[in-house]
Amino acid sequence: MDVKGKHIGFGLTGSHCTYEAVFPQIQKLVDLGAKVTPFFTHTVQNTTTRFGAEGEWVEKIKEITGNEPVDSIVKAEPFGPKTPLDCMVIAPLTGNSISKFANAMTDSPVLMGAKATLRNQKPVLLGISTNDGLGLNGVNIMRLMATKNIYFIPFGQDDPVKKQNSLVAHMDTLVDAVEYALEGKQLQPVLRVTE
């Protein structure tokens, strides 16, 4: 299904090293005619790392989308009944947010946007980036995979020699994964070898 004219929520969590791979995909969604509303966790808004200064990524996404970010749970809640999204994407999705989402702990604007979207029986697409995907968080990923209306950007091990438990989404497949999710389908294969 084409993304043109679709309202896509785009949530970012604190995997700062992944933003360089994600932001071109946000631009592609906009270029294809989607309306993209950004959602941020508090970590994204308030943290300076070697990958960017506090507020830098917020400004970049505002520039790409032309929309103000949803930066509080109060601002995210209306995306359920009042302003429904066609799809909610969370990429990158950290291990911390994976565990919270899988256990119904809605403590950020991003997770509230996802909860609101699921309440409307619309798809939520996850792009994982976690150092413990094949460790303690494995059970949470499988719980989310088995949940109706939740889909995944295909993923794999990003460094099986040095970080055996680490999993990261193949962000270059994000737009295709959104199109599939809008049709109620999982882009396959979901498990991919990282080259």
C-alpha atoms as a PDB file:
ATOM      1  CA  MET A   1       0.000   0.000   0.000  1.00  0.00           C
ATOM      2  CA  ASP A   2       1.273   3.435  -0.945  1.00  0.00           C
ATOM      3  CA  VAL A   3       2.181   5.799   1.920  1.00  0.00           C
ATOM      4  CA  LYS A   4       0.982   8.859   0.013  1.00  0.00           C
ATOM      5  CA  GLY A   5      -1.625  10.719   2.062  1.00  0.00           C
ATOM      6  CA  LYS A   6      -1.105   8.467   5.097  1.00  0.00           C
ATOM      7  CA  HIS A   7      -0.546   9.957   8.552  1.00  0.00           C
ATOM      8  CA  ILE A   8       2.500   8.246  10.044  1.00  0.00           C
ATOM      9  CA  GLY A   9       3.605   8.727  13.636  1.00  0.00           C
ATOM     10  CA  PHE A  10       7.366   8.341  13.930  1.00  0.00           C
ATOM     11  CA  GLY A  11       8.779   7.633  17.377  1.00  0.00           C
ATOM     12  CA  LEU A  12      12.454   7.797  18.270  1.00  0.00           C
ATOM     13  CA  THR A  13      13.982   6.333  21.410  1.00  0.00           C
ATOM     14  CA  GLY A  14      17.526   6.657  22.778  1.00  0.00           C
ATOM     15  CA  SER A  15      19.631   4.539  20.420  1.00  0.00           C
ATOM     16  CA  HIS A  16      21.529   7.619  19.251  1.00  0.00           C
ATOM     17  CA  CYS A  17      24.014   5.639  17.134  1.00  0.00           C
ATOM     18  CA  THR A  18      21.165   4.556  14.849  1.00  0.00           C
ATOM     19  CA  TYR A  19      19.753   7.987  13.925  1.00  0.00           C
ATOM     20  CA  GLU A  20      22.007   8.413  10.883  1.00  0.00           C
ATOM     21  CA  ALA A  21      20.378   5.312   9.370  1.00  0.00           C
ATOM     22  CA  VAL A  22      16.843   6.333  10.380  1.00  0.00           C
ATOM     23  CA  PHE A  23      16.632   9.959   9.280  1.00  0.00           C
ATOM     24  CA  PRO A  24      16.996   9.261   5.522  1.00  0.00           C
ATOM     25  CA  GLN A  25      14.017   6.891   5.857  1.00  0.00           C
ATOM     26  CA  ILE A  26      11.929   9.638   7.460  1.00  0.00           C
ATOM     27  CA  GLN A  27      12.855  11.855   4.519  1.00  0.00           C
ATOM     28  CA  LYS A  28      11.755   9.103   2.095  1.00  0.00           C
ATOM     29  CA  LEU A  29       8.351   8.863   3.790  1.00  0.00           C
ATOM     30  CA  VAL A  30       7.901  12.629   3.458  1.00  0.00           C
ATOM     31  CA  ASP A  31       9.100  12.571  -0.178  1.00  0.00           C
ATOM     32  CA  LEU A  32       6.553   9.834  -0.939  1.00  0.00           C
ATOM     33  CA  GLY A  33       3.741  12.064   0.331  1.00  0.00           C
ATOM     34  CA  ALA A  34       3.185  10.826   3.883  1.00  0.00           C
ATOM     35  CA  LYS A  35       2.369  13.245   6.690  1.00  0.00           C
ATOM     36  CA  VAL A  36       4.895  12.398   9.408  1.00  0.00           C
ATOM     37  CA  THR A  37       4.360  13.445  13.025  1.00  0.00           C
ATOM     38  CA  PRO A  38       7.459  12.906  15.200  1.00  0.00           C
ATOM     39  CA  PHE A  39       7.319  11.530  18.751  1.00  0.00           C
ATOM     40  CA  PHE A  40      10.310  11.609  21.143  1.00  0.00           C
ATOM     41  CA  THR A  41      11.239   9.998  24.411  1.00  0.00           C
ATOM     42  CA  HIS A  42      12.689  12.303  27.052  1.00  0.00           C
ATOM     43  CA  THR A  43      16.140  10.802  26.433  1.00  0.00           C
ATOM     44  CA  VAL A  44      16.108  11.870  22.776  1.00  0.00           C
ATOM     45  CA  GLN A  45      15.104  15.411  23.717  1.00  0.00           C
ATOM     46  CA  ASN A  46      17.518  15.952  26.592  1.00  0.00           C
ATOM     47  CA  THR A  47      20.731  14.008  25.974  1.00  0.00           C
ATOM     48  CA  THR A  48      24.029  15.051  24.411  1.00  0.00           C
ATOM     49  CA  THR A  49      26.126  12.179  23.029  1.00  0.00           C
ATOM     50  CA  ARG A  50      29.010  11.753  20.608  1.00  0.00           C
ATOM     51  CA  PHE A  51      26.291  11.348  17.962  1.00  0.00           C
ATOM     52  CA  GLY A  52      24.779  14.797  18.492  1.00  0.00           C
ATOM     53  CA  ALA A  53      24.046  17.603  20.906  1.00  0.00           C
ATOM     54  CA  GLU A  54      20.875  17.956  22.979  1.00  0.00           C
ATOM     55  CA  GLY A  55      18.076  19.218  20.731  1.00  0.00           C
ATOM     56  CA  GLU A  56      19.987  18.653  17.472  1.00  0.00           C
ATOM     57  CA  TRP A  57      17.913  15.663  16.349  1.00  0.00           C
ATOM     58  CA  VAL A  58      14.692  17.411  17.399  1.00  0.00           C
ATOM     59  CA  GLU A  59      15.524  20.302  15.086  1.00  0.00           C
ATOM     60  CA  LYS A  60      16.470  17.959  12.232  1.00  0.00           C
ATOM     61  CA  ILE A  61      13.180  16.082  12.343  1.00  0.00           C
ATOM     62  CA  LYS A  62      11.192  19.314  12.539  1.00  0.00           C
ATOM     63  CA  GLU A  63      13.011  20.460   9.409  1.00  0.00           C
ATOM     64  CA  ILE A  64      12.344  17.184   7.558  1.00  0.00           C
ATOM     65  CA  THR A  65       8.683  16.766   8.529  1.00  0.00           C
ATOM     66  CA  GLY A  66       7.563  20.370   8.959  1.00  0.00           C
ATOM     67  CA  ASN A  67       5.776  19.249  12.129  1.00  0.00           C
ATOM     68  CA  GLU A  68       6.349  19.952  15.803  1.00  0.00           C
ATOM     69  CA  PRO A  69       7.346  16.844  17.783  1.00  0.00           C
ATOM     70  CA  VAL A  70       4.990  15.227  20.254  1.00  0.00           C
ATOM     71  CA  ASP A  71       7.081  15.616  23.388  1.00  0.00           C
ATOM     72  CA  SER A  72       4.747  14.690  26.254  1.00  0.00           C
ATOM     73  CA  ILE A  73       2.322  11.916  27.148  1.00  0.00           C
ATOM     74  CA  VAL A  74      -0.479  14.502  27.323  1.00  0.00           C
ATOM     75  CA  LYS A  75       0.223  15.545  23.708  1.00  0.00           C
ATOM     76  CA  ALA A  76       0.432  11.895  22.584  1.00  0.00           C
ATOM     77  CA  GLU A  77      -2.856  10.656  24.061  1.00  0.00           C
ATOM     78  CA  PRO A  78      -5.181  12.375  21.523  1.00  0.00           C
ATOM     79  CA  PHE A  79      -3.643  10.300  18.723  1.00  0.00           C
ATOM     80  CA  GLY A  80      -6.017   7.573  19.887  1.00  0.00           C
ATOM     81  CA  PRO A  81      -9.590   8.872  19.566  1.00  0.00           C
ATOM     82  CA  LYS A  82      -9.124  12.425  18.299  1.00  0.00           C
ATOM     83  CA  THR A  83      -6.298  12.351  15.723  1.00  0.00           C
ATOM     84  CA  PRO A  84      -5.794   8.705  14.695  1.00  0.00           C
ATOM     85  CA  LEU A  85      -2.629   7.674  12.889  1.00  0.00           C
ATOM     86  CA  ASP A  86      -2.608   5.275   9.947  1.00  0.00           C
ATOM     87  CA  CYS A  87       0.595   3.715  11.303  1.00  0.00           C
ATOM     88  CA  MET A  88       2.987   4.322  14.194  1.00  0.00           C
ATOM     89  CA  VAL A  89       6.672   3.598  13.545  1.00  0.00           C
ATOM     90  CA  ILE A  90       9.203   3.390  16.365  1.00  0.00           C
ATOM     91  CA  ALA A  91      12.751   3.353  15.031  1.00  0.00           C
ATOM     92  CA  PRO A  92      15.089   2.981  16.712  1.00  0.00           C
ATOM     93  CA  LEU A  93      13.405   1.117  19.547  1.00  0.00           C
ATOM     94  CA  THR A  94      15.805   0.486  22.445  1.00  0.00           C
ATOM     95  CA  GLY A  95      15.843  -2.553  24.682  1.00  0.00           C
ATOM     96  CA  ASN A  96      14.535  -0.434  27.544  1.00  0.00           C
ATOM     97  CA  SER A  97      11.507   0.705  25.537  1.00  0.00           C
ATOM     98  CA  ILE A  98      11.005  -2.827  24.125  1.00  0.00           C
ATOM     99  CA  SER A  99      10.665  -4.199  27.651  1.00  0.00           C
ATOM    100  CA  LYS A 100       8.276  -1.425  28.677  1.00  0.00           C
ATOM    101  CA  PHE A 101       6.098  -1.751  25.572  1.00  0.00           C
ATOM    102  CA  ALA A 102       5.913  -5.551  25.884  1.00  0.00           C
ATOM    103  CA  ASN A 103       4.765  -5.179  29.489  1.00  0.00           C
ATOM    104  CA  ALA A 104       2.249  -2.339  28.953  1.00  0.00           C
ATOM    105  CA  MET A 105       4.327   0.323  30.706  1.00  0.00           C
ATOM    106  CA  THR A 106       3.405   3.550  28.916  1.00  0.00           C
ATOM    107  CA  ASP A 107       5.824   6.102  30.326  1.00  0.00           C
ATOM    108  CA  SER A 108       6.885   8.131  27.265  1.00  0.00           C
ATOM    109  CA  PRO A 109       5.234  10.042  24.408  1.00  0.00           C
ATOM    110  CA  VAL A 110       6.493   7.361  21.992  1.00  0.00           C
ATOM    111  CA  LEU A 111       4.890   4.476  23.874  1.00  0.00           C
ATOM    112  CA  MET A 112       1.669   6.444  24.385  1.00  0.00           C
ATOM    113  CA  GLY A 113       1.545   7.025  20.613  1.00  0.00           C
ATOM    114  CA  ALA A 114       1.973   3.286  20.060  1.00  0.00           C
ATOM    115  CA  LYS A 115      -0.689   2.423  22.648  1.00  0.00           C
ATOM    116  CA  ALA A 116      -3.108   4.905  21.073  1.00  0.00           C
ATOM    117  CA  THR A 117      -2.492   3.424  17.627  1.00  0.00           C
ATOM    118  CA  LEU A 118      -3.084  -0.142  18.826  1.00  0.00           C
ATOM    119  CA  ARG A 119      -6.293   1.013  20.498  1.00  0.00           C
ATOM    120  CA  ASN A 120      -7.495   2.077  17.052  1.00  0.00           C
ATOM    121  CA  GLN A 121      -6.606  -1.335  15.571  1.00  0.00           C
ATOM    122  CA  LYS A 122      -3.922   0.267  13.385  1.00  0.00           C
ATOM    123  CA  PRO A 123      -0.390  -1.051  12.776  1.00  0.00           C
ATOM    124  CA  VAL A 124       2.639  -0.310  14.923  1.00  0.00           C
ATOM    125  CA  LEU A 125       5.984  -0.957  13.199  1.00  0.00           C
ATOM    126  CA  LEU A 126       9.089  -1.534  15.317  1.00  0.00           C
ATOM    127  CA  GLY A 127      12.726  -1.031  14.323  1.00  0.00           C
ATOM    128  CA  ILE A 128      14.700  -2.588  17.144  1.00  0.00           C
ATOM    129  CA  SER A 129      18.192  -1.579  18.254  1.00  0.00           C
ATOM    130  CA  THR A 130      19.223  -3.392  21.407  1.00  0.00           C
ATOM    131  CA  ASN A 131      22.327  -4.968  22.885  1.00  0.00           C
ATOM    132  CA  ASP A 132      20.297  -7.686  24.621  1.00  0.00           C
ATOM    133  CA  GLY A 133      17.863  -8.829  21.936  1.00  0.00           C
ATOM    134  CA  LEU A 134      19.207 -12.377  22.184  1.00  0.00           C
ATOM    135  CA  GLY A 135      19.536 -12.051  25.955  1.00  0.00           C
ATOM    136  CA  LEU A 136      16.996 -10.994  28.572  1.00  0.00           C
ATOM    137  CA  ASN A 137      15.017  -8.903  26.076  1.00  0.00           C
ATOM    138  CA  GLY A 138      14.444 -11.846  23.750  1.00  0.00           C
ATOM    139  CA  VAL A 139      11.243 -12.784  25.566  1.00  0.00           C
ATOM    140  CA  ASN A 140       9.915  -9.230  25.171  1.00  0.00           C
ATOM    141  CA  ILE A 141      10.645  -9.164  21.448  1.00  0.00           C
ATOM    142  CA  MET A 142       8.822 -12.480  20.998  1.00  0.00           C
ATOM    143  CA  ARG A 143       5.867 -11.193  23.031  1.00  0.00           C
ATOM    144  CA  LEU A 144       5.616  -8.179  20.722  1.00  0.00           C
ATOM    145  CA  MET A 145       5.995 -10.361  17.617  1.00  0.00           C
ATOM    146  CA  ALA A 146       3.017 -12.414  18.756  1.00  0.00           C
ATOM    147  CA  THR A 147       0.819  -9.338  19.335  1.00  0.00           C
ATOM    148  CA  LYS A 148      -1.866  -8.371  16.844  1.00  0.00           C
ATOM    149  CA  ASN A 149      -1.134  -5.262  14.745  1.00  0.00           C
ATOM    150  CA  ILE A 150       2.558  -5.143  15.708  1.00  0.00           C
ATOM    151  CA  TYR A 151       5.089  -5.588  12.907  1.00  0.00           C
ATOM    152  CA  PHE A 152       8.875  -5.439  12.679  1.00  0.00           C
ATOM    153  CA  ILE A 153      11.371  -3.860  10.358  1.00  0.00           C
ATOM    154  CA  PRO A 154      13.515  -6.881   9.406  1.00  0.00           C
ATOM    155  CA  PHE A 155      16.471  -7.269  11.776  1.00  0.00           C
ATOM    156  CA  GLY A 156      19.585  -9.284  12.523  1.00  0.00           C
ATOM    157  CA  GLN A 157      22.754  -9.443  14.579  1.00  0.00           C
ATOM    158  CA  ASP A 158      24.867  -6.360  13.954  1.00  0.00           C
ATOM    159  CA  ASP A 159      28.109  -7.794  15.362  1.00  0.00           C
ATOM    160  CA  PRO A 160      27.849 -11.524  16.176  1.00  0.00           C
ATOM    161  CA  VAL A 161      31.531 -11.774  17.164  1.00  0.00           C
ATOM    162  CA  LYS A 162      31.866  -8.882  19.620  1.00  0.00           C
ATOM    163  CA  LYS A 163      28.207  -8.365  20.614  1.00  0.00           C
ATOM    164  CA  GLN A 164      26.534 -11.776  20.379  1.00  0.00           C
ATOM    165  CA  ASN A 165      23.213 -10.659  21.906  1.00  0.00           C
ATOM    166  CA  SER A 166      22.866  -7.425  19.912  1.00  0.00           C
ATOM    167  CA  LEU A 167      20.103  -7.017  17.317  1.00  0.00           C
ATOM    168  CA  VAL A 168      19.441  -4.083  14.999  1.00  0.00           C
ATOM    169  CA  ALA A 169      16.815  -3.421  12.352  1.00  0.00           C
ATOM    170  CA  HIS A 170      17.774  -3.091   8.696  1.00  0.00           C
ATOM    171  CA  MET A 171      16.576   0.502   8.484  1.00  0.00           C
ATOM    172  CA  ASP A 172      16.959   0.524   4.695  1.00  0.00           C
ATOM    173  CA  THR A 173      13.820  -1.669   4.564  1.00  0.00           C
ATOM    174  CA  LEU A 174      11.748   0.750   6.687  1.00  0.00           C
ATOM    175  CA  VAL A 175       9.577   2.207   3.904  1.00  0.00           C
ATOM    176  CA  ASP A 176       8.797  -1.247   2.491  1.00  0.00           C
ATOM    177  CA  ALA A 177       7.955  -2.463   6.001  1.00  0.00           C
ATOM    178  CA  VAL A 178       5.553   0.480   6.491  1.00  0.00           C
ATOM    179  CA  GLU A 179       3.789  -0.340   3.215  1.00  0.00           C
ATOM    180  CA  TYR A 180       3.383  -3.975   4.270  1.00  0.00           C
ATOM    181  CA  ALA A 181       2.203  -3.028   7.775  1.00  0.00           C
ATOM    182  CA  LEU A 182      -0.478  -0.753   6.285  1.00  0.00           C
ATOM    183  CA  GLU A 183      -1.811  -3.876   4.552  1.00  0.00           C
ATOM    184  CA  GLY A 184      -1.665  -5.901   7.777  1.00  0.00           C
ATOM    185  CA  LYS A 185       1.374  -7.902   6.646  1.00  0.00           C
ATOM    186  CA  GLN A 186       4.869  -8.538   7.977  1.00  0.00           C
ATOM    187  CA  LEU A 187       7.683  -7.859   5.510  1.00  0.00           C
ATOM    188  CA  GLN A 188       9.627 -11.098   5.113  1.00  0.00           C
ATOM    189  CA  PRO A 189      12.086 -12.457   5.900  1.00  0.00           C
ATOM    190  CA  VAL A 190      11.977 -10.744   9.270  1.00  0.00           C
ATOM    191  CA  LEU A 191      15.278 -12.303  10.397  1.00  0.00           C
ATOM    192  CA  ARG A 192      18.130 -11.305   8.117  1.00  0.00           C
ATOM    193  CA  VAL A 193      21.865 -11.744   8.004  1.00  0.00           C
ATOM    194  CA  THR A 194      23.747  -8.498   8.524  1.00  0.00           C
ATOM    195  CA  GLU A 195      26.411  -8.046   5.865  1.00  0.00           C
END
